[in-house]
Amino acid sequence: MSELSEWLEPRLTGAPPTLRERILAAVDADGDSPFPLPCSLLSDHLRDLAEQILEDVKNAGDSAVALDLLAADALITFACEALAESDPGGLAEIK
């Protein structure tokens, strides 16, 4: 398990198993992620993972993408959490 997965684990408590697995699969697929990262960079990295999932969904052309959309949403939420930990004022700058 990567350190990023370990950071996510407590945040995934109570998540449906399929969603938890999808999020961790996105992290594992990104095997080269530098971690530990400062929370501000962690936020950017989690957002990038979410954007990659969304790009894959766009290119899939399949209507069965609900789990991917939920995973991307969760990663964006975790990105906001990481940003709030490092720079609460930075949340106001998100567009």
PDB file of N, CA and C in Angstrom:
ATOM      1  N   MET A   1       0.848  -1.175   0.000  1.00  0.00           N
ATOM      2  CA  MET A   1       0.000   0.000   0.000  1.00  0.00           C
ATOM      3  C   MET A   1       0.894   1.238   0.000  1.00  0.00           C
ATOM      4  N   SER A   2       0.596   2.201  -0.842  1.00  0.00           N
ATOM      5  CA  SER A   2       1.388   3.419  -0.924  1.00  0.00           C
ATOM      6  C   SER A   2       1.056   4.340   0.249  1.00  0.00           C
ATOM      7  N   GLU A   3       1.936   5.296   0.475  1.00  0.00           N
ATOM      8  CA  GLU A   3       1.687   6.260   1.545  1.00  0.00           C
ATOM      9  C   GLU A   3       0.452   7.101   1.246  1.00  0.00           C
ATOM     10  N   LEU A   4       0.204   7.378  -0.032  1.00  0.00           N
ATOM     11  CA  LEU A   4      -0.999   8.116  -0.393  1.00  0.00           C
ATOM     12  C   LEU A   4      -2.237   7.292  -0.067  1.00  0.00           C
ATOM     13  N   SER A   5      -2.192   5.997  -0.348  1.00  0.00           N
ATOM     14  CA  SER A   5      -3.305   5.116   0.010  1.00  0.00           C
ATOM     15  C   SER A   5      -3.520   5.120   1.520  1.00  0.00           C
ATOM     16  N   GLU A   6      -2.426   5.118   2.265  1.00  0.00           N
ATOM     17  CA  GLU A   6      -2.526   5.163   3.722  1.00  0.00           C
ATOM     18  C   GLU A   6      -3.150   6.470   4.191  1.00  0.00           C
ATOM     19  N   TRP A   7      -2.860   7.582   3.507  1.00  0.00           N
ATOM     20  CA  TRP A   7      -3.469   8.864   3.851  1.00  0.00           C
ATOM     21  C   TRP A   7      -4.972   8.815   3.592  1.00  0.00           C
ATOM     22  N   LEU A   8      -5.345   8.145   2.507  1.00  0.00           N
ATOM     23  CA  LEU A   8      -6.758   8.068   2.143  1.00  0.00           C
ATOM     24  C   LEU A   8      -7.549   7.083   2.999  1.00  0.00           C
ATOM     25  N   GLU A   9      -6.914   6.015   3.449  1.00  0.00           N
ATOM     26  CA  GLU A   9      -7.611   4.940   4.166  1.00  0.00           C
ATOM     27  C   GLU A   9      -8.582   5.436   5.233  1.00  0.00           C
ATOM     28  N   PRO A  10      -8.146   6.259   6.200  1.00  0.00           N
ATOM     29  CA  PRO A  10      -9.095   6.674   7.231  1.00  0.00           C
ATOM     30  C   PRO A  10     -10.236   7.528   6.675  1.00  0.00           C
ATOM     31  N   ARG A  11     -10.000   8.167   5.559  1.00  0.00           N
ATOM     32  CA  ARG A  11     -11.023   9.003   4.947  1.00  0.00           C
ATOM     33  C   ARG A  11     -12.032   8.168   4.154  1.00  0.00           C
ATOM     34  N   LEU A  12     -11.666   6.932   3.877  1.00  0.00           N
ATOM     35  CA  LEU A  12     -12.545   6.043   3.112  1.00  0.00           C
ATOM     36  C   LEU A  12     -13.357   5.119   4.011  1.00  0.00           C
ATOM     37  N   THR A  13     -13.180   5.258   5.315  1.00  0.00           N
ATOM     38  CA  THR A  13     -13.947   4.438   6.248  1.00  0.00           C
ATOM     39  C   THR A  13     -15.432   4.697   6.024  1.00  0.00           C
ATOM     40  N   GLY A  14     -16.160   3.656   5.872  1.00  0.00           N
ATOM     41  CA  GLY A  14     -17.598   3.786   5.669  1.00  0.00           C
ATOM     42  C   GLY A  14     -18.009   3.952   4.216  1.00  0.00           C
ATOM     43  N   ALA A  15     -17.041   4.141   3.328  1.00  0.00           N
ATOM     44  CA  ALA A  15     -17.378   4.250   1.900  1.00  0.00           C
ATOM     45  C   ALA A  15     -17.774   2.870   1.389  1.00  0.00           C
ATOM     46  N   PRO A  16     -18.698   2.809   0.446  1.00  0.00           N
ATOM     47  CA  PRO A  16     -19.023   1.509  -0.144  1.00  0.00           C
ATOM     48  C   PRO A  16     -17.759   0.856  -0.699  1.00  0.00           C
ATOM     49  N   PRO A  17     -17.621  -0.451  -0.529  1.00  0.00           N
ATOM     50  CA  PRO A  17     -16.392  -1.135  -0.969  1.00  0.00           C
ATOM     51  C   PRO A  17     -16.030  -0.880  -2.430  1.00  0.00           C
ATOM     52  N   THR A  18     -17.004  -0.852  -3.308  1.00  0.00           N
ATOM     53  CA  THR A  18     -16.682  -0.642  -4.727  1.00  0.00           C
ATOM     54  C   THR A  18     -16.116   0.755  -4.967  1.00  0.00           C
ATOM     55  N   LEU A  19     -16.638   1.755  -4.257  1.00  0.00           N
ATOM     56  CA  LEU A  19     -16.125   3.122  -4.399  1.00  0.00           C
ATOM     57  C   LEU A  19     -14.722   3.207  -3.820  1.00  0.00           C
ATOM     58  N   ARG A  20     -14.523   2.618  -2.653  1.00  0.00           N
ATOM     59  CA  ARG A  20     -13.204   2.597  -2.018  1.00  0.00           C
ATOM     60  C   ARG A  20     -12.177   1.965  -2.959  1.00  0.00           C
ATOM     61  N   GLU A  21     -12.532   0.840  -3.553  1.00  0.00           N
ATOM     62  CA  GLU A  21     -11.633   0.141  -4.467  1.00  0.00           C
ATOM     63  C   GLU A  21     -11.323   0.979  -5.697  1.00  0.00           C
ATOM     64  N   ARG A  22     -12.333   1.691  -6.214  1.00  0.00           N
ATOM     65  CA  ARG A  22     -12.124   2.517  -7.415  1.00  0.00           C
ATOM     66  C   ARG A  22     -11.168   3.669  -7.128  1.00  0.00           C
ATOM     67  N   ILE A  23     -11.325   4.299  -5.960  1.00  0.00           N
ATOM     68  CA  ILE A  23     -10.443   5.402  -5.586  1.00  0.00           C
ATOM     69  C   ILE A  23      -9.013   4.897  -5.418  1.00  0.00           C
ATOM     70  N   LEU A  24      -8.856   3.796  -4.703  1.00  0.00           N
ATOM     71  CA  LEU A  24      -7.521   3.250  -4.485  1.00  0.00           C
ATOM     72  C   LEU A  24      -6.901   2.749  -5.785  1.00  0.00           C
ATOM     73  N   ALA A  25      -7.725   2.279  -6.723  1.00  0.00           N
ATOM     74  CA  ALA A  25      -7.213   1.859  -8.025  1.00  0.00           C
ATOM     75  C   ALA A  25      -6.631   3.059  -8.779  1.00  0.00           C
ATOM     76  N   ALA A  26      -7.277   4.217  -8.671  1.00  0.00           N
ATOM     77  CA  ALA A  26      -6.760   5.430  -9.322  1.00  0.00           C
ATOM     78  C   ALA A  26      -5.412   5.817  -8.723  1.00  0.00           C
ATOM     79  N   VAL A  27      -5.298   5.680  -7.420  1.00  0.00           N
ATOM     80  CA  VAL A  27      -4.031   5.995  -6.742  1.00  0.00           C
ATOM     81  C   VAL A  27      -2.961   4.991  -7.147  1.00  0.00           C
ATOM     82  N   ASP A  28      -3.312   3.716  -7.160  1.00  0.00           N
ATOM     83  CA  ASP A  28      -2.342   2.674  -7.514  1.00  0.00           C
ATOM     84  C   ASP A  28      -1.891   2.793  -8.969  1.00  0.00           C
ATOM     85  N   ALA A  29      -2.804   3.193  -9.847  1.00  0.00           N
ATOM     86  CA  ALA A  29      -2.470   3.346 -11.263  1.00  0.00           C
ATOM     87  C   ALA A  29      -1.461   4.474 -11.465  1.00  0.00           C
ATOM     88  N   ASP A  30      -1.418   5.369 -10.505  1.00  0.00           N
ATOM     89  CA  ASP A  30      -0.528   6.517 -10.574  1.00  0.00           C
ATOM     90  C   ASP A  30       0.798   6.215  -9.887  1.00  0.00           C
ATOM     91  N   GLY A  31       1.189   4.981  -9.808  1.00  0.00           N
ATOM     92  CA  GLY A  31       2.324   4.486  -9.071  1.00  0.00           C
ATOM     93  C   GLY A  31       3.500   5.402  -8.834  1.00  0.00           C
ATOM     94  N   ASP A  32       3.714   6.413  -9.663  1.00  0.00           N
ATOM     95  CA  ASP A  32       4.886   7.270  -9.517  1.00  0.00           C
ATOM     96  C   ASP A  32       4.639   8.502  -8.661  1.00  0.00           C
ATOM     97  N   SER A  33       3.492   8.566  -7.998  1.00  0.00           N
ATOM     98  CA  SER A  33       3.186   9.781  -7.249  1.00  0.00           C
ATOM     99  C   SER A  33       4.185   9.992  -6.118  1.00  0.00           C
ATOM    100  N   PRO A  34       4.753  11.176  -6.059  1.00  0.00           N
ATOM    101  CA  PRO A  34       5.691  11.473  -4.974  1.00  0.00           C
ATOM    102  C   PRO A  34       4.923  11.715  -3.686  1.00  0.00           C
ATOM    103  N   PHE A  35       5.243  10.982  -2.668  1.00  0.00           N
ATOM    104  CA  PHE A  35       4.549  11.138  -1.391  1.00  0.00           C
ATOM    105  C   PHE A  35       5.538  10.818  -0.299  1.00  0.00           C
ATOM    106  N   PRO A  36       5.573  11.473   0.801  1.00  0.00           N
ATOM    107  CA  PRO A  36       4.558  12.443   1.223  1.00  0.00           C
ATOM    108  C   PRO A  36       4.735  13.795   0.534  1.00  0.00           C
ATOM    109  N   LEU A  37       3.636  14.406   0.292  1.00  0.00           N
ATOM    110  CA  LEU A  37       3.612  15.734  -0.309  1.00  0.00           C
ATOM    111  C   LEU A  37       3.113  16.727   0.721  1.00  0.00           C
ATOM    112  N   PRO A  38       3.543  17.978   0.628  1.00  0.00           N
ATOM    113  CA  PRO A  38       2.883  18.988   1.453  1.00  0.00           C
ATOM    114  C   PRO A  38       1.404  19.006   1.090  1.00  0.00           C
ATOM    115  N   CYS A  39       0.549  19.328   2.030  1.00  0.00           N
ATOM    116  CA  CYS A  39      -0.891  19.272   1.777  1.00  0.00           C
ATOM    117  C   CYS A  39      -1.316  20.097   0.574  1.00  0.00           C
ATOM    118  N   SER A  40      -0.648  21.226   0.329  1.00  0.00           N
ATOM    119  CA  SER A  40      -1.021  22.044  -0.831  1.00  0.00           C
ATOM    120  C   SER A  40      -0.736  21.296  -2.127  1.00  0.00           C
ATOM    121  N   LEU A  41       0.392  20.590  -2.211  1.00  0.00           N
ATOM    122  CA  LEU A  41       0.698  19.800  -3.406  1.00  0.00           C
ATOM    123  C   LEU A  41      -0.150  18.534  -3.456  1.00  0.00           C
ATOM    124  N   LEU A  42      -0.449  17.982  -2.301  1.00  0.00           N
ATOM    125  CA  LEU A  42      -1.329  16.817  -2.239  1.00  0.00           C
ATOM    126  C   LEU A  42      -2.683  17.161  -2.832  1.00  0.00           C
ATOM    127  N   SER A  43      -3.165  18.345  -2.515  1.00  0.00           N
ATOM    128  CA  SER A  43      -4.442  18.800  -3.061  1.00  0.00           C
ATOM    129  C   SER A  43      -4.397  18.811  -4.590  1.00  0.00           C
ATOM    130  N   ASP A  44      -3.335  19.371  -5.142  1.00  0.00           N
ATOM    131  CA  ASP A  44      -3.196  19.412  -6.604  1.00  0.00           C
ATOM    132  C   ASP A  44      -3.113  17.998  -7.184  1.00  0.00           C
ATOM    133  N   HIS A  45      -2.391  17.135  -6.505  1.00  0.00           N
ATOM    134  CA  HIS A  45      -2.229  15.759  -6.999  1.00  0.00           C
ATOM    135  C   HIS A  45      -3.562  15.002  -6.997  1.00  0.00           C
ATOM    136  N   LEU A  46      -4.321  15.142  -5.922  1.00  0.00           N
ATOM    137  CA  LEU A  46      -5.628  14.481  -5.865  1.00  0.00           C
ATOM    138  C   LEU A  46      -6.563  15.031  -6.940  1.00  0.00           C
ATOM    139  N   ARG A  47      -6.501  16.341  -7.164  1.00  0.00           N
ATOM    140  CA  ARG A  47      -7.311  16.944  -8.225  1.00  0.00           C
ATOM    141  C   ARG A  47      -6.903  16.393  -9.594  1.00  0.00           C
ATOM    142  N   ASP A  48      -5.601  16.227  -9.797  1.00  0.00           N
ATOM    143  CA  ASP A  48      -5.127  15.660 -11.066  1.00  0.00           C
ATOM    144  C   ASP A  48      -5.637  14.233 -11.261  1.00  0.00           C
ATOM    145  N   LEU A  49      -5.654  13.437 -10.191  1.00  0.00           N
ATOM    146  CA  LEU A  49      -6.192  12.072 -10.298  1.00  0.00           C
ATOM    147  C   LEU A  49      -7.670  12.108 -10.681  1.00  0.00           C
ATOM    148  N   ALA A  50      -8.412  13.027 -10.067  1.00  0.00           N
ATOM    149  CA  ALA A  50      -9.839  13.158 -10.399  1.00  0.00           C
ATOM    150  C   ALA A  50     -10.016  13.568 -11.860  1.00  0.00           C
ATOM    151  N   GLU A  51      -9.202  14.506 -12.309  1.00  0.00           N
ATOM    152  CA  GLU A  51      -9.291  14.950 -13.705  1.00  0.00           C
ATOM    153  C   GLU A  51      -8.970  13.817 -14.672  1.00  0.00           C
ATOM    154  N   GLN A  52      -8.034  12.942 -14.309  1.00  0.00           N
ATOM    155  CA  GLN A  52      -7.708  11.803 -15.163  1.00  0.00           C
ATOM    156  C   GLN A  52      -8.900  10.848 -15.266  1.00  0.00           C
ATOM    157  N   ILE A  53      -9.556  10.611 -14.145  1.00  0.00           N
ATOM    158  CA  ILE A  53     -10.753   9.761 -14.182  1.00  0.00           C
ATOM    159  C   ILE A  53     -11.808  10.389 -15.075  1.00  0.00           C
ATOM    160  N   LEU A  54     -12.019  11.690 -14.933  1.00  0.00           N
ATOM    161  CA  LEU A  54     -13.028  12.367 -15.755  1.00  0.00           C
ATOM    162  C   LEU A  54     -12.669  12.327 -17.237  1.00  0.00           C
ATOM    163  N   GLU A  55     -11.383  12.448 -17.537  1.00  0.00           N
ATOM    164  CA  GLU A  55     -10.940  12.350 -18.935  1.00  0.00           C
ATOM    165  C   GLU A  55     -11.215  10.947 -19.479  1.00  0.00           C
ATOM    166  N   ASP A  56     -10.940   9.931 -18.671  1.00  0.00           N
ATOM    167  CA  ASP A  56     -11.220   8.555 -19.077  1.00  0.00           C
ATOM    168  C   ASP A  56     -12.712   8.348 -19.320  1.00  0.00           C
ATOM    169  N   VAL A  57     -13.534   8.945 -18.472  1.00  0.00           N
ATOM    170  CA  VAL A  57     -14.993   8.835 -18.621  1.00  0.00           C
ATOM    171  C   VAL A  57     -15.431   9.482 -19.933  1.00  0.00           C
ATOM    172  N   LYS A  58     -14.873  10.656 -20.226  1.00  0.00           N
ATOM    173  CA  LYS A  58     -15.220  11.347 -21.480  1.00  0.00           C
ATOM    174  C   LYS A  58     -14.881  10.494 -22.687  1.00  0.00           C
ATOM    175  N   ASN A  59     -13.762   9.833 -22.634  1.00  0.00           N
ATOM    176  CA  ASN A  59     -13.312   9.044 -23.770  1.00  0.00           C
ATOM    177  C   ASN A  59     -13.966   7.672 -23.841  1.00  0.00           C
ATOM    178  N   ALA A  60     -14.592   7.240 -22.764  1.00  0.00           N
ATOM    179  CA  ALA A  60     -15.182   5.902 -22.729  1.00  0.00           C
ATOM    180  C   ALA A  60     -16.423   5.800 -23.608  1.00  0.00           C
ATOM    181  N   GLY A  61     -17.199   6.862 -23.655  1.00  0.00           N
ATOM    182  CA  GLY A  61     -18.420   6.819 -24.443  1.00  0.00           C
ATOM    183  C   GLY A  61     -19.424   5.818 -23.910  1.00  0.00           C
ATOM    184  N   ASP A  62     -19.307   5.469 -22.651  1.00  0.00           N
ATOM    185  CA  ASP A  62     -20.164   4.468 -22.019  1.00  0.00           C
ATOM    186  C   ASP A  62     -21.028   5.167 -20.979  1.00  0.00           C
ATOM    187  N   SER A  63     -22.272   4.769 -20.876  1.00  0.00           N
ATOM    188  CA  SER A  63     -23.155   5.395 -19.903  1.00  0.00           C
ATOM    189  C   SER A  63     -23.009   4.781 -18.513  1.00  0.00           C
ATOM    190  N   ALA A  64     -22.258   3.705 -18.366  1.00  0.00           N
ATOM    191  CA  ALA A  64     -22.091   3.040 -17.072  1.00  0.00           C
ATOM    192  C   ALA A  64     -20.848   3.575 -16.371  1.00  0.00           C
ATOM    193  N   VAL A  65     -20.858   4.859 -16.059  1.00  0.00           N
ATOM    194  CA  VAL A  65     -19.687   5.492 -15.477  1.00  0.00           C
ATOM    195  C   VAL A  65     -19.973   6.098 -14.102  1.00  0.00           C
ATOM    196  N   ALA A  66     -21.070   5.731 -13.506  1.00  0.00           N
ATOM    197  CA  ALA A  66     -21.459   6.344 -12.231  1.00  0.00           C
ATOM    198  C   ALA A  66     -20.383   6.169 -11.170  1.00  0.00           C
ATOM    199  N   LEU A  67     -19.806   4.989 -11.075  1.00  0.00           N
ATOM    200  CA  LEU A  67     -18.777   4.745 -10.067  1.00  0.00           C
ATOM    201  C   LEU A  67     -17.557   5.623 -10.312  1.00  0.00           C
ATOM    202  N   ASP A  68     -17.176   5.786 -11.565  1.00  0.00           N
ATOM    203  CA  ASP A  68     -16.040   6.659 -11.891  1.00  0.00           C
ATOM    204  C   ASP A  68     -16.337   8.104 -11.501  1.00  0.00           C
ATOM    205  N   LEU A  69     -17.559   8.550 -11.757  1.00  0.00           N
ATOM    206  CA  LEU A  69     -17.923   9.923 -11.395  1.00  0.00           C
ATOM    207  C   LEU A  69     -17.914  10.113  -9.881  1.00  0.00           C
ATOM    208  N   LEU A  70     -18.388   9.122  -9.148  1.00  0.00           N
ATOM    209  CA  LEU A  70     -18.347   9.193  -7.688  1.00  0.00           C
ATOM    210  C   LEU A  70     -16.912   9.218  -7.173  1.00  0.00           C
ATOM    211  N   ALA A  71     -16.042   8.422  -7.785  1.00  0.00           N
ATOM    212  CA  ALA A  71     -14.637   8.397  -7.379  1.00  0.00           C
ATOM    213  C   ALA A  71     -13.972   9.746  -7.645  1.00  0.00           C
ATOM    214  N   ALA A  72     -14.238  10.323  -8.801  1.00  0.00           N
ATOM    215  CA  ALA A  72     -13.677  11.641  -9.120  1.00  0.00           C
ATOM    216  C   ALA A  72     -14.182  12.684  -8.130  1.00  0.00           C
ATOM    217  N   ASP A  73     -15.462  12.633  -7.805  1.00  0.00           N
ATOM    218  CA  ASP A  73     -16.034  13.555  -6.837  1.00  0.00           C
ATOM    219  C   ASP A  73     -15.363  13.398  -5.469  1.00  0.00           C
ATOM    220  N   ALA A  74     -15.157  12.164  -5.047  1.00  0.00           N
ATOM    221  CA  ALA A  74     -14.510  11.913  -3.756  1.00  0.00           C
ATOM    222  C   ALA A  74     -13.085  12.443  -3.759  1.00  0.00           C
ATOM    223  N   LEU A  75     -12.359  12.244  -4.849  1.00  0.00           N
ATOM    224  CA  LEU A  75     -10.983  12.737  -4.918  1.00  0.00           C
ATOM    225  C   LEU A  75     -10.935  14.263  -4.863  1.00  0.00           C
ATOM    226  N   ILE A  76     -11.894  14.922  -5.475  1.00  0.00           N
ATOM    227  CA  ILE A  76     -11.976  16.387  -5.389  1.00  0.00           C
ATOM    228  C   ILE A  76     -12.261  16.807  -3.954  1.00  0.00           C
ATOM    229  N   THR A  77     -13.145  16.071  -3.276  1.00  0.00           N
ATOM    230  CA  THR A  77     -13.439  16.361  -1.870  1.00  0.00           C
ATOM    231  C   THR A  77     -12.178  16.207  -1.018  1.00  0.00           C
ATOM    232  N   PHE A  78     -11.414  15.143  -1.248  1.00  0.00           N
ATOM    233  CA  PHE A  78     -10.172  14.936  -0.503  1.00  0.00           C
ATOM    234  C   PHE A  78      -9.153  16.021  -0.844  1.00  0.00           C
ATOM    235  N   ALA A  79      -9.146  16.473  -2.074  1.00  0.00           N
ATOM    236  CA  ALA A  79      -8.249  17.570  -2.460  1.00  0.00           C
ATOM    237  C   ALA A  79      -8.597  18.834  -1.674  1.00  0.00           C
ATOM    238  N   CYS A  80      -9.877  19.107  -1.537  1.00  0.00           N
ATOM    239  CA  CYS A  80     -10.307  20.271  -0.749  1.00  0.00           C
ATOM    240  C   CYS A  80      -9.914  20.108   0.713  1.00  0.00           C
ATOM    241  N   GLU A  81     -10.044  18.894   1.237  1.00  0.00           N
ATOM    242  CA  GLU A  81      -9.655  18.627   2.619  1.00  0.00           C
ATOM    243  C   GLU A  81      -8.155  18.871   2.815  1.00  0.00           C
ATOM    244  N   ALA A  82      -7.354  18.378   1.892  1.00  0.00           N
ATOM    245  CA  ALA A  82      -5.908  18.587   1.992  1.00  0.00           C
ATOM    246  C   ALA A  82      -5.564  20.069   1.915  1.00  0.00           C
ATOM    247  N   LEU A  83      -6.240  20.785   1.034  1.00  0.00           N
ATOM    248  CA  LEU A  83      -6.000  22.224   0.916  1.00  0.00           C
ATOM    249  C   LEU A  83      -6.427  22.945   2.184  1.00  0.00           C
ATOM    250  N   ALA A  84      -7.556  22.550   2.758  1.00  0.00           N
ATOM    251  CA  ALA A  84      -8.029  23.175   3.995  1.00  0.00           C
ATOM    252  C   ALA A  84      -7.041  22.957   5.136  1.00  0.00           C
ATOM    253  N   GLU A  85      -6.372  21.812   5.134  1.00  0.00           N
ATOM    254  CA  GLU A  85      -5.377  21.534   6.171  1.00  0.00           C
ATOM    255  C   GLU A  85      -4.151  22.436   6.030  1.00  0.00           C
ATOM    256  N   SER A  86      -3.782  22.750   4.802  1.00  0.00           N
ATOM    257  CA  SER A  86      -2.563  23.528   4.588  1.00  0.00           C
ATOM    258  C   SER A  86      -2.814  25.021   4.440  1.00  0.00           C
ATOM    259  N   ASP A  87      -3.954  25.372   3.845  1.00  0.00           N
ATOM    260  CA  ASP A  87      -4.224  26.788   3.539  1.00  0.00           C
ATOM    261  C   ASP A  87      -5.728  27.008   3.488  1.00  0.00           C
ATOM    262  N   PRO A  88      -6.376  27.164   4.650  1.00  0.00           N
ATOM    263  CA  PRO A  88      -7.831  27.323   4.663  1.00  0.00           C
ATOM    264  C   PRO A  88      -8.317  28.455   3.750  1.00  0.00           C
ATOM    265  N   GLY A  89      -7.558  29.519   3.663  1.00  0.00           N
ATOM    266  CA  GLY A  89      -7.946  30.626   2.789  1.00  0.00           C
ATOM    267  C   GLY A  89      -7.902  30.260   1.327  1.00  0.00           C
ATOM    268  N   GLY A  90      -7.101  29.247   0.999  1.00  0.00           N
ATOM    269  CA  GLY A  90      -6.984  28.796  -0.387  1.00  0.00           C
ATOM    270  C   GLY A  90      -8.284  28.225  -0.934  1.00  0.00           C
ATOM    271  N   LEU A  91      -9.137  27.754  -0.038  1.00  0.00           N
ATOM    272  CA  LEU A  91     -10.423  27.209  -0.492  1.00  0.00           C
ATOM    273  C   LEU A  91     -11.262  28.278  -1.191  1.00  0.00           C
ATOM    274  N   ALA A  92     -11.130  29.504  -0.754  1.00  0.00           N
ATOM    275  CA  ALA A  92     -11.895  30.597  -1.364  1.00  0.00           C
ATOM    276  C   ALA A  92     -11.429  30.879  -2.786  1.00  0.00           C
ATOM    277  N   GLU A  93     -10.229  30.456  -3.114  1.00  0.00           N
ATOM    278  CA  GLU A  93      -9.661  30.730  -4.438  1.00  0.00           C
ATOM    279  C   GLU A  93      -9.966  29.644  -5.477  1.00  0.00           C
ATOM    280  N   ILE A  94     -10.583  28.553  -5.035  1.00  0.00           N
ATOM    281  CA  ILE A  94     -10.903  27.465  -5.960  1.00  0.00           C
ATOM    282  C   ILE A  94     -11.952  27.915  -6.936  1.00  0.00           C
ATOM    283  N   LYS A  95     -11.713  27.619  -8.198  1.00  0.00           N
ATOM    284  CA  LYS A  95     -12.674  27.988  -9.249  1.00  0.00           C
ATOM    285  C   LYS A  95     -13.103  26.768  -9.997  1.00  0.00           C
TER     286      LYS A  95
END
